[in-house]
């Protein structure tokens, strides 16, 4: 998470420093994307989203028709 905050601050500073600053920013973003911390954050976000979607379908709010609910449930099991 701190890497993303650092990236945001770096973005502001990089824009102010012209092409060299932007080049450093792009390299930093590549390093962030390749980090285990970033991968873990993405996985956590995905798990949270899947959990919320499952709760909506299990609650039977009437927001989704049966056919659509079945299709989404199949996709969630695959994920």
N, C-alpha and C. Protein backbone atom coordinates (compact mmCIF):
# COMPACT_ATOMS: atom_id res chain seq x y z
N UNK A 1 0.82 -1.18 0.00
CA UNK A 1 0.00 0.00 0.00
C UNK A 1 0.87 1.25 0.00
N UNK A 2 1.93 1.21 0.77
CA UNK A 2 2.83 2.37 0.81
C UNK A 2 3.46 2.62 -0.55
N UNK A 3 3.67 1.55 -1.30
CA UNK A 3 4.25 1.71 -2.64
C UNK A 3 3.31 2.53 -3.52
N UNK A 4 2.01 2.30 -3.39
CA UNK A 4 1.05 3.05 -4.19
C UNK A 4 0.98 4.51 -3.76
N UNK A 5 1.09 4.75 -2.47
CA UNK A 5 1.13 6.13 -1.99
C UNK A 5 2.39 6.82 -2.51
N UNK A 6 3.50 6.10 -2.45
CA UNK A 6 4.76 6.64 -2.97
C UNK A 6 4.67 6.94 -4.45
N UNK A 7 3.97 6.06 -5.18
CA UNK A 7 3.80 6.29 -6.61
C UNK A 7 3.00 7.56 -6.87
N UNK A 8 1.94 7.77 -6.10
CA UNK A 8 1.12 8.97 -6.27
C UNK A 8 1.94 10.23 -6.02
N UNK A 9 2.73 10.22 -4.97
CA UNK A 9 3.59 11.37 -4.67
C UNK A 9 4.62 11.53 -5.78
N UNK A 10 5.19 10.42 -6.22
CA UNK A 10 6.16 10.46 -7.31
C UNK A 10 5.58 10.99 -8.60
N UNK A 11 4.31 10.70 -8.83
CA UNK A 11 3.65 11.20 -10.03
C UNK A 11 3.64 12.73 -10.03
N UNK A 12 3.24 13.29 -8.92
CA UNK A 12 3.18 14.76 -8.81
C UNK A 12 4.58 15.36 -9.01
N UNK A 13 5.56 14.77 -8.33
CA UNK A 13 6.92 15.28 -8.46
C UNK A 13 7.49 15.03 -9.86
N UNK A 14 7.17 13.88 -10.43
CA UNK A 14 7.68 13.53 -11.76
C UNK A 14 7.16 14.47 -12.83
N UNK A 15 5.91 14.84 -12.72
CA UNK A 15 5.33 15.77 -13.70
C UNK A 15 6.05 17.10 -13.63
N UNK A 16 6.42 17.50 -12.45
CA UNK A 16 7.10 18.78 -12.28
C UNK A 16 8.54 18.73 -12.78
N UNK A 17 9.13 17.54 -12.91
CA UNK A 17 10.52 17.42 -13.31
C UNK A 17 10.71 17.09 -14.80
N UNK A 18 9.65 17.14 -15.57
CA UNK A 18 9.77 16.95 -17.00
C UNK A 18 9.95 15.51 -17.42
N UNK A 19 10.59 15.30 -18.57
CA UNK A 19 10.75 13.97 -19.16
C UNK A 19 11.53 13.02 -18.27
N UNK A 20 12.57 13.51 -17.62
CA UNK A 20 13.38 12.64 -16.76
C UNK A 20 12.57 12.15 -15.56
N UNK A 21 11.79 13.05 -15.00
CA UNK A 21 10.94 12.68 -13.88
C UNK A 21 9.89 11.65 -14.29
N UNK A 22 9.32 11.83 -15.48
CA UNK A 22 8.33 10.88 -15.96
C UNK A 22 8.96 9.52 -16.26
N UNK A 23 10.18 9.52 -16.77
CA UNK A 23 10.87 8.25 -17.04
C UNK A 23 11.11 7.49 -15.74
N UNK A 24 11.51 8.21 -14.69
CA UNK A 24 11.70 7.56 -13.38
C UNK A 24 10.37 7.04 -12.84
N UNK A 25 9.31 7.81 -13.07
CA UNK A 25 7.99 7.41 -12.61
C UNK A 25 7.53 6.13 -13.31
N UNK A 26 7.74 6.06 -14.60
CA UNK A 26 7.36 4.86 -15.36
C UNK A 26 8.14 3.65 -14.87
N UNK A 27 9.41 3.81 -14.63
CA UNK A 27 10.23 2.71 -14.12
C UNK A 27 9.75 2.29 -12.73
N UNK A 28 9.40 3.24 -11.90
CA UNK A 28 8.88 2.93 -10.57
C UNK A 28 7.58 2.14 -10.66
N UNK A 29 6.71 2.54 -11.59
CA UNK A 29 5.43 1.83 -11.76
C UNK A 29 5.68 0.39 -12.19
N UNK A 30 6.63 0.19 -13.06
CA UNK A 30 6.96 -1.18 -13.49
C UNK A 30 7.44 -2.02 -12.31
N UNK A 31 8.24 -1.43 -11.46
CA UNK A 31 8.73 -2.15 -10.29
C UNK A 31 7.59 -2.45 -9.31
N UNK A 32 6.69 -1.51 -9.15
CA UNK A 32 5.54 -1.72 -8.27
C UNK A 32 4.69 -2.86 -8.80
N UNK A 33 4.41 -2.86 -10.10
CA UNK A 33 3.58 -3.91 -10.69
C UNK A 33 4.21 -5.29 -10.52
N UNK A 34 5.50 -5.37 -10.49
CA UNK A 34 6.18 -6.65 -10.35
C UNK A 34 6.39 -7.09 -8.92
N UNK A 35 5.98 -6.27 -7.97
CA UNK A 35 6.24 -6.58 -6.56
C UNK A 35 5.22 -7.57 -6.01
N UNK A 36 5.65 -8.32 -5.01
CA UNK A 36 4.75 -9.26 -4.34
C UNK A 36 3.65 -8.52 -3.59
N UNK A 37 3.99 -7.37 -3.05
CA UNK A 37 3.00 -6.57 -2.31
C UNK A 37 1.85 -6.16 -3.22
N UNK A 38 2.16 -5.73 -4.44
CA UNK A 38 1.14 -5.31 -5.38
C UNK A 38 0.27 -6.50 -5.79
N UNK A 39 0.91 -7.65 -6.05
CA UNK A 39 0.16 -8.85 -6.41
C UNK A 39 -0.77 -9.26 -5.27
N UNK A 40 -0.29 -9.17 -4.04
CA UNK A 40 -1.12 -9.52 -2.89
C UNK A 40 -2.30 -8.56 -2.75
N UNK A 41 -2.05 -7.28 -2.99
CA UNK A 41 -3.13 -6.29 -2.90
C UNK A 41 -4.19 -6.56 -3.97
N UNK A 42 -3.77 -6.90 -5.17
CA UNK A 42 -4.73 -7.24 -6.23
C UNK A 42 -5.54 -8.48 -5.87
N UNK A 43 -4.88 -9.48 -5.34
CA UNK A 43 -5.56 -10.72 -4.95
C UNK A 43 -6.57 -10.45 -3.83
N UNK A 44 -6.18 -9.63 -2.87
CA UNK A 44 -7.10 -9.29 -1.78
C UNK A 44 -8.32 -8.56 -2.32
N UNK A 45 -8.09 -7.63 -3.23
CA UNK A 45 -9.20 -6.91 -3.84
C UNK A 45 -10.12 -7.82 -4.62
N UNK A 46 -9.53 -8.77 -5.34
CA UNK A 46 -10.34 -9.73 -6.11
C UNK A 46 -11.17 -10.59 -5.17
N UNK A 47 -10.56 -11.07 -4.10
CA UNK A 47 -11.28 -11.90 -3.13
C UNK A 47 -12.43 -11.13 -2.48
N UNK A 48 -12.19 -9.87 -2.18
CA UNK A 48 -13.24 -9.05 -1.58
C UNK A 48 -14.40 -8.88 -2.56
N UNK A 49 -14.09 -8.61 -3.80
CA UNK A 49 -15.12 -8.42 -4.82
C UNK A 49 -15.93 -9.69 -5.01
N UNK A 50 -15.25 -10.83 -5.10
CA UNK A 50 -15.95 -12.10 -5.25
C UNK A 50 -16.86 -12.34 -4.05
N UNK A 51 -16.37 -12.04 -2.85
CA UNK A 51 -17.18 -12.21 -1.65
C UNK A 51 -18.43 -11.36 -1.66
N UNK A 52 -18.30 -10.12 -2.09
CA UNK A 52 -19.45 -9.21 -2.13
C UNK A 52 -20.46 -9.70 -3.16
N UNK A 53 -19.97 -10.11 -4.33
CA UNK A 53 -20.88 -10.60 -5.37
C UNK A 53 -21.61 -11.84 -4.88
N UNK A 54 -20.90 -12.75 -4.22
CA UNK A 54 -21.54 -13.96 -3.70
C UNK A 54 -22.62 -13.60 -2.68
N UNK A 55 -22.33 -12.64 -1.81
CA UNK A 55 -23.32 -12.23 -0.81
C UNK A 55 -24.57 -11.67 -1.45
N UNK A 56 -24.39 -10.89 -2.51
CA UNK A 56 -25.55 -10.32 -3.21
C UNK A 56 -26.41 -11.43 -3.79
N UNK A 57 -25.77 -12.43 -4.41
CA UNK A 57 -26.54 -13.51 -5.01
C UNK A 57 -27.20 -14.39 -3.96
N UNK A 58 -26.50 -14.64 -2.85
CA UNK A 58 -27.06 -15.48 -1.80
C UNK A 58 -28.19 -14.79 -1.05
N UNK A 59 -28.16 -13.46 -1.01
CA UNK A 59 -29.20 -12.72 -0.32
C UNK A 59 -30.51 -12.76 -1.09
N UNK A 60 -30.43 -13.07 -2.38
CA UNK A 60 -31.65 -13.16 -3.18
C UNK A 60 -32.39 -11.84 -3.24
N UNK A 61 -31.67 -10.79 -3.56
CA UNK A 61 -32.26 -9.46 -3.56
C UNK A 61 -33.22 -9.23 -4.72
N UNK A 62 -33.29 -10.16 -5.65
CA UNK A 62 -34.16 -9.96 -6.80
C UNK A 62 -33.54 -9.08 -7.86
N UNK A 63 -32.27 -8.74 -7.67
CA UNK A 63 -31.59 -7.87 -8.63
C UNK A 63 -31.21 -8.63 -9.89
N UNK A 64 -31.16 -9.95 -9.79
CA UNK A 64 -30.64 -10.74 -10.89
C UNK A 64 -31.62 -11.86 -11.21
N UNK A 65 -31.84 -12.11 -12.49
CA UNK A 65 -32.72 -13.21 -12.88
C UNK A 65 -32.02 -14.54 -12.67
N UNK A 66 -32.76 -15.62 -12.65
CA UNK A 66 -32.21 -16.95 -12.40
C UNK A 66 -31.14 -17.35 -13.38
N UNK A 67 -31.36 -17.14 -14.69
CA UNK A 67 -30.37 -17.52 -15.70
C UNK A 67 -29.06 -16.78 -15.51
N UNK A 68 -29.17 -15.48 -15.26
CA UNK A 68 -27.96 -14.68 -15.08
C UNK A 68 -27.24 -15.10 -13.81
N UNK A 69 -28.01 -15.36 -12.76
CA UNK A 69 -27.42 -15.79 -11.49
C UNK A 69 -26.66 -17.10 -11.67
N UNK A 70 -27.23 -18.04 -12.40
CA UNK A 70 -26.55 -19.31 -12.65
C UNK A 70 -25.27 -19.11 -13.44
N UNK A 71 -25.30 -18.26 -14.44
CA UNK A 71 -24.11 -18.02 -15.25
C UNK A 71 -22.99 -17.39 -14.41
N UNK A 72 -23.35 -16.42 -13.59
CA UNK A 72 -22.34 -15.76 -12.75
C UNK A 72 -21.81 -16.74 -11.72
N UNK A 73 -22.67 -17.55 -11.12
CA UNK A 73 -22.21 -18.54 -10.15
C UNK A 73 -21.23 -19.53 -10.77
N UNK A 74 -21.47 -19.95 -12.00
CA UNK A 74 -20.52 -20.85 -12.68
C UNK A 74 -19.17 -20.17 -12.86
N UNK A 75 -19.19 -18.92 -13.26
CA UNK A 75 -17.94 -18.18 -13.44
C UNK A 75 -17.19 -18.00 -12.14
N UNK A 76 -17.91 -17.73 -11.06
CA UNK A 76 -17.27 -17.56 -9.76
C UNK A 76 -16.63 -18.86 -9.28
N UNK A 77 -17.29 -19.98 -9.54
CA UNK A 77 -16.68 -21.27 -9.15
C UNK A 77 -15.40 -21.51 -9.91
N UNK A 78 -15.36 -21.11 -11.18
CA UNK A 78 -14.15 -21.28 -11.98
C UNK A 78 -13.05 -20.38 -11.45
N UNK A 79 -13.41 -19.16 -11.06
CA UNK A 79 -12.41 -18.21 -10.55
C UNK A 79 -11.85 -18.72 -9.25
